[in-house]
């Protein structure tokens, strides 16, 4: 059995690499998907596909439509979602992806530091599991295969 894991979260740090490496070290049969990790590609995909846009807002809207298409398809195919809320970046997309996954009935593992408890309490209450780090998330996934 192989599980598809959607990694929802900011694309500015290497937290996904950490998750992938930990899963590989445990030889877990996991296939990882997630948002476009190349920030420039994500920002410019609307114009790459739809052509030049009238202004910065139209450019953002076009990219958003295509990024949302990608996210919707990949979330629907995921067996489980890891939603990472790091300490540095605003996490609106992470919250939206986690909520969308929950609406689809996907199990969500929420990674958030203890300091973010209050800000994420409602979302955390709906997740299947709340952990504080990648090690705990990987251990929970490993348990599935025991």
N, C-alpha and C. Protein backbone atom coordinates (compact mmCIF):
# COMPACT_ATOMS: atom_id res chain seq x y z
N UNK A 1 0.84 -1.18 0.00
CA UNK A 1 0.00 0.00 0.00
C UNK A 1 0.89 1.24 0.00
N UNK A 2 0.49 2.24 -0.79
CA UNK A 2 1.18 3.52 -0.84
C UNK A 2 0.15 4.60 -0.53
N UNK A 3 0.56 5.59 0.25
CA UNK A 3 -0.31 6.73 0.55
C UNK A 3 0.19 7.97 -0.17
N UNK A 4 -0.75 8.75 -0.67
CA UNK A 4 -0.43 10.05 -1.25
C UNK A 4 -0.64 11.10 -0.18
N UNK A 5 0.40 11.88 0.07
CA UNK A 5 0.38 12.90 1.12
C UNK A 5 0.54 14.26 0.48
N UNK A 6 -0.47 15.12 0.65
CA UNK A 6 -0.40 16.50 0.16
C UNK A 6 0.24 17.34 1.26
N UNK A 7 1.30 18.06 0.91
CA UNK A 7 2.01 18.90 1.87
C UNK A 7 1.58 20.35 1.69
N UNK A 8 0.65 20.79 2.52
CA UNK A 8 0.12 22.15 2.45
C UNK A 8 0.95 23.05 3.36
N UNK A 9 1.36 24.19 2.83
CA UNK A 9 2.12 25.12 3.64
C UNK A 9 2.94 26.06 2.78
N UNK A 10 3.60 26.98 3.44
CA UNK A 10 4.37 27.99 2.72
C UNK A 10 5.46 27.34 1.87
N UNK A 11 5.85 28.07 0.82
CA UNK A 11 6.82 27.53 -0.13
C UNK A 11 8.16 28.24 -0.03
N UNK A 12 8.40 28.94 1.05
CA UNK A 12 9.63 29.73 1.17
C UNK A 12 10.75 29.03 1.94
N UNK A 13 10.42 28.01 2.69
CA UNK A 13 11.45 27.30 3.45
C UNK A 13 11.49 25.84 3.00
N UNK A 14 12.43 25.08 3.56
CA UNK A 14 12.63 23.71 3.10
C UNK A 14 11.93 22.67 3.97
N UNK A 15 10.84 23.01 4.63
CA UNK A 15 10.17 22.07 5.52
C UNK A 15 9.71 20.81 4.78
N UNK A 16 9.34 20.93 3.51
CA UNK A 16 8.91 19.76 2.75
C UNK A 16 10.07 18.78 2.55
N UNK A 17 11.26 19.30 2.28
CA UNK A 17 12.43 18.43 2.14
C UNK A 17 12.67 17.64 3.42
N UNK A 18 12.48 18.29 4.56
CA UNK A 18 12.66 17.63 5.85
C UNK A 18 11.68 16.46 5.99
N UNK A 19 10.42 16.69 5.64
CA UNK A 19 9.40 15.64 5.69
C UNK A 19 9.78 14.49 4.75
N UNK A 20 10.14 14.83 3.53
CA UNK A 20 10.49 13.79 2.54
C UNK A 20 11.68 12.96 3.01
N UNK A 21 12.70 13.62 3.54
CA UNK A 21 13.90 12.90 4.01
C UNK A 21 13.57 11.98 5.18
N UNK A 22 12.75 12.45 6.10
CA UNK A 22 12.37 11.63 7.25
C UNK A 22 11.56 10.41 6.80
N UNK A 23 10.67 10.60 5.85
CA UNK A 23 9.88 9.48 5.33
C UNK A 23 10.77 8.48 4.59
N UNK A 24 11.72 8.99 3.82
CA UNK A 24 12.64 8.12 3.09
C UNK A 24 13.51 7.32 4.06
N UNK A 25 13.97 7.97 5.11
CA UNK A 25 14.81 7.28 6.11
C UNK A 25 14.07 6.12 6.76
N UNK A 26 12.77 6.26 6.90
CA UNK A 26 11.95 5.19 7.49
C UNK A 26 11.41 4.23 6.42
N UNK A 27 11.75 4.50 5.17
CA UNK A 27 11.31 3.70 4.03
C UNK A 27 9.79 3.58 3.99
N UNK A 28 9.13 4.69 4.22
CA UNK A 28 7.67 4.70 4.17
C UNK A 28 7.20 4.81 2.72
N UNK A 29 6.19 4.05 2.34
CA UNK A 29 5.68 4.11 0.97
C UNK A 29 4.73 5.30 0.79
N UNK A 30 5.33 6.47 0.68
CA UNK A 30 4.56 7.71 0.56
C UNK A 30 4.90 8.43 -0.74
N UNK A 31 3.88 8.92 -1.39
CA UNK A 31 4.03 9.78 -2.57
C UNK A 31 3.62 11.18 -2.12
N UNK A 32 4.50 12.15 -2.30
CA UNK A 32 4.22 13.51 -1.84
C UNK A 32 3.80 14.40 -3.00
N UNK A 33 2.77 15.19 -2.75
CA UNK A 33 2.33 16.22 -3.68
C UNK A 33 2.15 17.51 -2.88
N UNK A 34 1.84 18.58 -3.57
CA UNK A 34 1.62 19.84 -2.89
C UNK A 34 1.56 20.98 -3.89
N UNK A 35 1.54 22.18 -3.38
CA UNK A 35 1.50 23.34 -4.27
C UNK A 35 2.80 23.47 -5.05
N UNK A 36 2.77 24.28 -6.08
CA UNK A 36 3.98 24.56 -6.85
C UNK A 36 5.01 25.18 -5.91
N UNK A 37 6.16 24.56 -5.81
CA UNK A 37 7.19 25.04 -4.89
C UNK A 37 8.12 26.08 -5.50
N UNK A 38 8.05 26.28 -6.79
CA UNK A 38 8.84 27.32 -7.44
C UNK A 38 8.02 28.61 -7.43
N UNK A 39 8.39 29.51 -6.54
CA UNK A 39 7.58 30.71 -6.29
C UNK A 39 7.33 31.51 -7.55
N UNK A 40 8.36 31.75 -8.36
CA UNK A 40 8.18 32.53 -9.58
C UNK A 40 7.22 31.84 -10.55
N UNK A 41 7.33 30.53 -10.67
CA UNK A 41 6.42 29.79 -11.57
C UNK A 41 4.98 29.94 -11.09
N UNK A 42 4.77 29.82 -9.77
CA UNK A 42 3.45 29.96 -9.20
C UNK A 42 2.88 31.36 -9.47
N UNK A 43 3.70 32.37 -9.30
CA UNK A 43 3.24 33.75 -9.50
C UNK A 43 2.97 34.09 -10.96
N UNK A 44 3.68 33.45 -11.90
CA UNK A 44 3.58 33.81 -13.31
C UNK A 44 2.79 32.83 -14.16
N UNK A 45 2.28 31.75 -13.56
CA UNK A 45 1.62 30.71 -14.35
C UNK A 45 0.39 31.22 -15.10
N UNK A 46 -0.30 32.19 -14.54
CA UNK A 46 -1.47 32.73 -15.22
C UNK A 46 -1.12 33.35 -16.56
N UNK A 47 -0.07 34.15 -16.57
CA UNK A 47 0.34 34.77 -17.83
C UNK A 47 1.00 33.75 -18.77
N UNK A 48 1.68 32.75 -18.20
CA UNK A 48 2.28 31.73 -19.05
C UNK A 48 1.22 30.96 -19.82
N UNK A 49 0.08 30.72 -19.19
CA UNK A 49 -0.98 29.95 -19.85
C UNK A 49 -1.99 30.84 -20.56
N UNK A 50 -2.40 31.93 -19.92
CA UNK A 50 -3.47 32.77 -20.46
C UNK A 50 -2.99 33.99 -21.22
N UNK A 51 -1.69 34.26 -21.16
CA UNK A 51 -1.14 35.42 -21.84
C UNK A 51 -1.08 36.63 -20.92
N UNK A 52 -0.52 37.73 -21.43
CA UNK A 52 -0.34 38.94 -20.62
C UNK A 52 -1.67 39.44 -20.05
N UNK A 53 -1.60 39.90 -18.81
CA UNK A 53 -2.79 40.41 -18.12
C UNK A 53 -2.71 41.94 -18.03
N UNK A 54 -3.84 42.56 -17.79
CA UNK A 54 -3.95 44.02 -17.83
C UNK A 54 -3.15 44.73 -16.74
N UNK A 55 -3.07 44.12 -15.55
CA UNK A 55 -2.36 44.75 -14.44
C UNK A 55 -1.98 43.68 -13.42
N UNK A 56 -1.36 44.11 -12.32
CA UNK A 56 -0.86 43.16 -11.31
C UNK A 56 -2.00 42.37 -10.66
N UNK A 57 -3.14 43.01 -10.46
CA UNK A 57 -4.27 42.31 -9.85
C UNK A 57 -4.80 41.23 -10.79
N UNK A 58 -4.95 41.57 -12.06
CA UNK A 58 -5.41 40.57 -13.04
C UNK A 58 -4.39 39.43 -13.16
N UNK A 59 -3.10 39.76 -13.09
CA UNK A 59 -2.06 38.73 -13.14
C UNK A 59 -2.19 37.79 -11.95
N UNK A 60 -2.39 38.35 -10.75
CA UNK A 60 -2.59 37.53 -9.56
C UNK A 60 -3.83 36.65 -9.67
N UNK A 61 -4.91 37.21 -10.18
CA UNK A 61 -6.16 36.46 -10.33
C UNK A 61 -5.99 35.29 -11.30
N UNK A 62 -5.31 35.53 -12.41
CA UNK A 62 -5.10 34.46 -13.39
C UNK A 62 -4.25 33.35 -12.78
N UNK A 63 -3.18 33.72 -12.09
CA UNK A 63 -2.32 32.71 -11.45
C UNK A 63 -3.10 31.96 -10.38
N UNK A 64 -3.92 32.68 -9.63
CA UNK A 64 -4.70 32.06 -8.57
C UNK A 64 -5.65 31.00 -9.13
N UNK A 65 -6.29 31.29 -10.23
CA UNK A 65 -7.21 30.32 -10.83
C UNK A 65 -6.49 29.01 -11.17
N UNK A 66 -5.33 29.12 -11.75
CA UNK A 66 -4.59 27.93 -12.17
C UNK A 66 -4.00 27.21 -10.97
N UNK A 67 -3.48 27.97 -10.00
CA UNK A 67 -2.96 27.34 -8.78
C UNK A 67 -4.08 26.65 -8.00
N UNK A 68 -5.26 27.26 -7.97
CA UNK A 68 -6.40 26.63 -7.29
C UNK A 68 -6.84 25.35 -8.00
N UNK A 69 -6.77 25.33 -9.32
CA UNK A 69 -7.07 24.12 -10.08
C UNK A 69 -6.12 23.00 -9.67
N UNK A 70 -4.84 23.31 -9.65
CA UNK A 70 -3.83 22.32 -9.26
C UNK A 70 -4.10 21.81 -7.85
N UNK A 71 -4.34 22.72 -6.93
CA UNK A 71 -4.57 22.35 -5.54
C UNK A 71 -5.81 21.47 -5.41
N UNK A 72 -6.89 21.84 -6.06
CA UNK A 72 -8.13 21.08 -5.96
C UNK A 72 -7.94 19.65 -6.47
N UNK A 73 -7.26 19.50 -7.59
CA UNK A 73 -7.04 18.16 -8.14
C UNK A 73 -6.17 17.33 -7.21
N UNK A 74 -5.06 17.91 -6.73
CA UNK A 74 -4.13 17.15 -5.90
C UNK A 74 -4.70 16.84 -4.51
N UNK A 75 -5.46 17.79 -3.94
CA UNK A 75 -6.10 17.51 -2.66
C UNK A 75 -7.12 16.37 -2.79
N UNK A 76 -7.86 16.37 -3.89
CA UNK A 76 -8.86 15.32 -4.09
C UNK A 76 -8.22 13.94 -4.19
N UNK A 77 -7.01 13.86 -4.70
CA UNK A 77 -6.31 12.58 -4.85
C UNK A 77 -5.53 12.17 -3.61
N UNK A 78 -5.37 13.08 -2.67
CA UNK A 78 -4.56 12.79 -1.47
C UNK A 78 -5.29 11.84 -0.53
N UNK A 79 -4.50 11.00 0.13
CA UNK A 79 -5.02 10.14 1.19
C UNK A 79 -4.97 10.85 2.53
N UNK A 80 -4.01 11.71 2.70
CA UNK A 80 -3.83 12.46 3.93
C UNK A 80 -3.15 13.78 3.59
N UNK A 81 -3.40 14.79 4.41
CA UNK A 81 -2.82 16.12 4.20
C UNK A 81 -2.03 16.51 5.44
N UNK A 82 -0.81 16.95 5.21
CA UNK A 82 -0.04 17.57 6.29
C UNK A 82 -0.08 19.06 6.04
N UNK A 83 -0.59 19.81 7.01
CA UNK A 83 -0.67 21.27 6.92
C UNK A 83 0.33 21.87 7.90
N UNK A 84 1.35 22.52 7.36
CA UNK A 84 2.44 23.07 8.17
C UNK A 84 2.25 24.57 8.37
N UNK A 85 2.21 24.97 9.62
CA UNK A 85 2.15 26.38 9.98
C UNK A 85 3.46 26.74 10.67
N UNK A 86 4.35 27.36 9.91
CA UNK A 86 5.66 27.73 10.44
C UNK A 86 5.62 29.05 11.18
N UNK A 87 6.77 29.44 11.72
CA UNK A 87 6.82 30.63 12.56
C UNK A 87 6.94 31.95 11.81
N UNK A 88 7.28 31.92 10.52
CA UNK A 88 7.68 33.16 9.86
C UNK A 88 6.64 33.78 8.94
N UNK A 89 6.03 33.00 8.08
CA UNK A 89 5.21 33.57 7.01
C UNK A 89 3.73 33.57 7.35
N UNK A 90 3.00 34.49 6.74
CA UNK A 90 1.55 34.47 6.87
C UNK A 90 1.06 33.21 6.17
N UNK A 91 0.11 32.53 6.77
CA UNK A 91 -0.24 31.18 6.35
C UNK A 91 -1.67 31.06 5.81
N UNK A 92 -2.13 32.06 5.09
CA UNK A 92 -3.50 32.02 4.59
C UNK A 92 -3.73 30.84 3.66
N UNK A 93 -2.80 30.57 2.75
CA UNK A 93 -2.98 29.45 1.83
C UNK A 93 -3.01 28.12 2.56
N UNK A 94 -2.19 28.01 3.60
CA UNK A 94 -2.17 26.77 4.38
C UNK A 94 -3.52 26.53 5.04
N UNK A 95 -4.07 27.57 5.63
CA UNK A 95 -5.37 27.46 6.28
C UNK A 95 -6.45 27.09 5.26
N UNK A 96 -6.40 27.71 4.10
CA UNK A 96 -7.39 27.42 3.07
C UNK A 96 -7.26 25.97 2.60
N UNK A 97 -6.03 25.52 2.38
CA UNK A 97 -5.83 24.13 1.93
C UNK A 97 -6.28 23.14 3.00
N UNK A 98 -5.96 23.41 4.25
CA UNK A 98 -6.37 22.50 5.34
C UNK A 98 -7.89 22.44 5.43
N UNK A 99 -8.54 23.60 5.37
CA UNK A 99 -10.00 23.62 5.44
C UNK A 99 -10.63 22.92 4.24
N UNK A 100 -10.06 23.11 3.06
CA UNK A 100 -10.56 22.43 1.87
C UNK A 100 -10.42 20.92 2.01
N UNK A 101 -9.28 20.47 2.53
CA UNK A 101 -9.07 19.04 2.74
C UNK A 101 -10.09 18.48 3.72
N UNK A 102 -10.35 19.22 4.78
CA UNK A 102 -11.33 18.78 5.77
C UNK A 102 -12.72 18.68 5.15
N UNK A 103 -13.06 19.64 4.31
CA UNK A 103 -14.35 19.62 3.62
C UNK A 103 -14.47 18.39 2.72
N UNK A 104 -13.34 17.99 2.13
CA UNK A 104 -13.33 16.79 1.28
C UNK A 104 -13.28 15.50 2.10
N UNK A 105 -13.20 15.61 3.41
CA UNK A 105 -13.15 14.43 4.26
C UNK A 105 -11.77 13.81 4.35
N UNK A 106 -10.74 14.58 3.99
CA UNK A 106 -9.37 14.07 4.04
C UNK A 106 -8.83 14.20 5.47
N UNK A 107 -8.13 13.20 5.97
CA UNK A 107 -7.48 13.33 7.27
C UNK A 107 -6.38 14.38 7.19
N UNK A 108 -6.32 15.23 8.19
CA UNK A 108 -5.33 16.31 8.23
C UNK A 108 -4.47 16.17 9.48
N UNK A 109 -3.16 16.23 9.25
CA UNK A 109 -2.19 16.33 10.34
C UNK A 109 -1.71 17.78 10.32
N UNK A 110 -1.97 18.47 11.40
CA UNK A 110 -1.59 19.88 11.50
C UNK A 110 -0.28 19.98 12.27
N UNK A 111 0.73 20.59 11.64
CA UNK A 111 1.99 20.85 12.34
C UNK A 111 2.01 22.33 12.70
N UNK A 112 2.09 22.58 13.99
CA UNK A 112 2.19 23.96 14.46
C UNK A 112 2.92 23.98 15.79
N UNK A 113 3.72 25.01 15.97
CA UNK A 113 4.41 25.18 17.24
C UNK A 113 3.40 25.54 18.31
N UNK A 114 3.73 25.25 19.52
CA UNK A 114 2.85 25.52 20.66
C UNK A 114 2.42 26.99 20.72
N UNK A 115 3.32 27.89 20.33
CA UNK A 115 3.00 29.33 20.34
C UNK A 115 1.85 29.69 19.41
N UNK A 116 1.57 28.85 18.42
CA UNK A 116 0.48 29.12 17.47
C UNK A 116 -0.83 28.46 17.87
N UNK A 117 -0.89 27.92 19.07
CA UNK A 117 -2.10 27.23 19.50
C UNK A 117 -3.34 28.12 19.37
N UNK A 118 -3.31 29.29 19.95
CA UNK A 118 -4.51 30.14 19.99
C UNK A 118 -4.97 30.53 18.58
N UNK A 119 -4.04 30.93 17.74
CA UNK A 119 -4.40 31.38 16.39
C UNK A 119 -5.02 30.26 15.55
N UNK A 120 -4.68 29.02 15.85
CA UNK A 120 -5.13 27.89 15.03
C UNK A 120 -6.09 26.96 15.76
N UNK A 121 -6.66 27.41 16.88
CA UNK A 121 -7.45 26.50 17.71
C UNK A 121 -8.64 25.90 17.00
N UNK A 122 -9.37 26.66 16.20
CA UNK A 122 -10.54 26.10 15.51
C UNK A 122 -10.12 25.10 14.44
N UNK A 123 -9.10 25.44 13.68
CA UNK A 123 -8.60 24.53 12.66
C UNK A 123 -8.04 23.27 13.30
N UNK A 124 -7.29 23.45 14.37
CA UNK A 124 -6.70 22.30 15.08
C UNK A 124 -7.78 21.37 15.62
N UNK A 125 -8.89 21.94 16.06
CA UNK A 125 -9.97 21.14 16.62
C UNK A 125 -10.61 20.23 15.58
N UNK A 126 -10.49 20.59 14.31
CA UNK A 126 -11.07 19.78 13.23
C UNK A 126 -10.07 18.80 12.61
N UNK A 127 -8.79 18.97 12.90
CA UNK A 127 -7.77 18.08 12.35
C UNK A 127 -7.83 16.72 13.06
N UNK A 128 -7.34 15.68 12.35
CA UNK A 128 -7.27 14.37 12.98
C UNK A 128 -6.17 14.32 14.02
N UNK A 129 -5.12 15.11 13.78
CA UNK A 129 -3.97 15.09 14.68
C UNK A 129 -3.26 16.43 14.62
N UNK A 130 -2.86 16.93 15.78
CA UNK A 130 -2.05 18.15 15.86
C UNK A 130 -0.72 17.77 16.49
N UNK A 131 0.37 18.13 15.81
CA UNK A 131 1.72 17.85 16.29
C UNK A 131 2.53 19.14 16.25
N UNK A 132 3.68 19.08 16.89
CA UNK A 132 4.53 20.28 16.96
C UNK A 132 5.71 20.24 16.01
N UNK A 133 5.98 19.07 15.37
CA UNK A 133 7.14 19.01 14.48
C UNK A 133 6.98 17.89 13.45
N UNK A 134 7.89 17.91 12.49
CA UNK A 134 7.86 16.94 11.39
C UNK A 134 8.08 15.51 11.88
N UNK A 135 8.94 15.33 12.88
CA UNK A 135 9.19 13.99 13.40
C UNK A 135 7.89 13.34 13.89
N UNK A 136 7.10 14.09 14.61
CA UNK A 136 5.84 13.55 15.12
C UNK A 136 4.88 13.21 13.98
N UNK A 137 4.84 14.05 12.96
CA UNK A 137 3.97 13.78 11.81
C UNK A 137 4.38 12.50 11.10
N UNK A 138 5.67 12.31 10.91
CA UNK A 138 6.17 11.11 10.25
C UNK A 138 5.92 9.87 11.10
N UNK A 139 6.10 9.98 12.40
CA UNK A 139 5.81 8.84 13.29
C UNK A 139 4.34 8.44 13.20
N UNK A 140 3.46 9.43 13.11
CA UNK A 140 2.02 9.12 12.97
C UNK A 140 1.74 8.40 11.66
N UNK A 141 2.37 8.84 10.57
CA UNK A 141 2.19 8.16 9.29
C UNK A 141 2.80 6.76 9.32
N UNK A 142 3.94 6.61 9.95
CA UNK A 142 4.57 5.28 10.06
C UNK A 142 3.67 4.31 10.79
N UNK A 143 2.96 4.79 11.79
CA UNK A 143 2.05 3.95 12.58
C UNK A 143 0.97 3.31 11.70
N UNK A 144 0.56 4.00 10.66
CA UNK A 144 -0.45 3.47 9.75
C UNK A 144 0.01 2.14 9.14
N UNK A 145 1.31 2.00 8.91
CA UNK A 145 1.84 0.84 8.22
C UNK A 145 2.22 -0.31 9.14
N UNK A 146 2.03 -0.15 10.45
CA UNK A 146 2.37 -1.24 11.39
C UNK A 146 1.33 -2.34 11.33
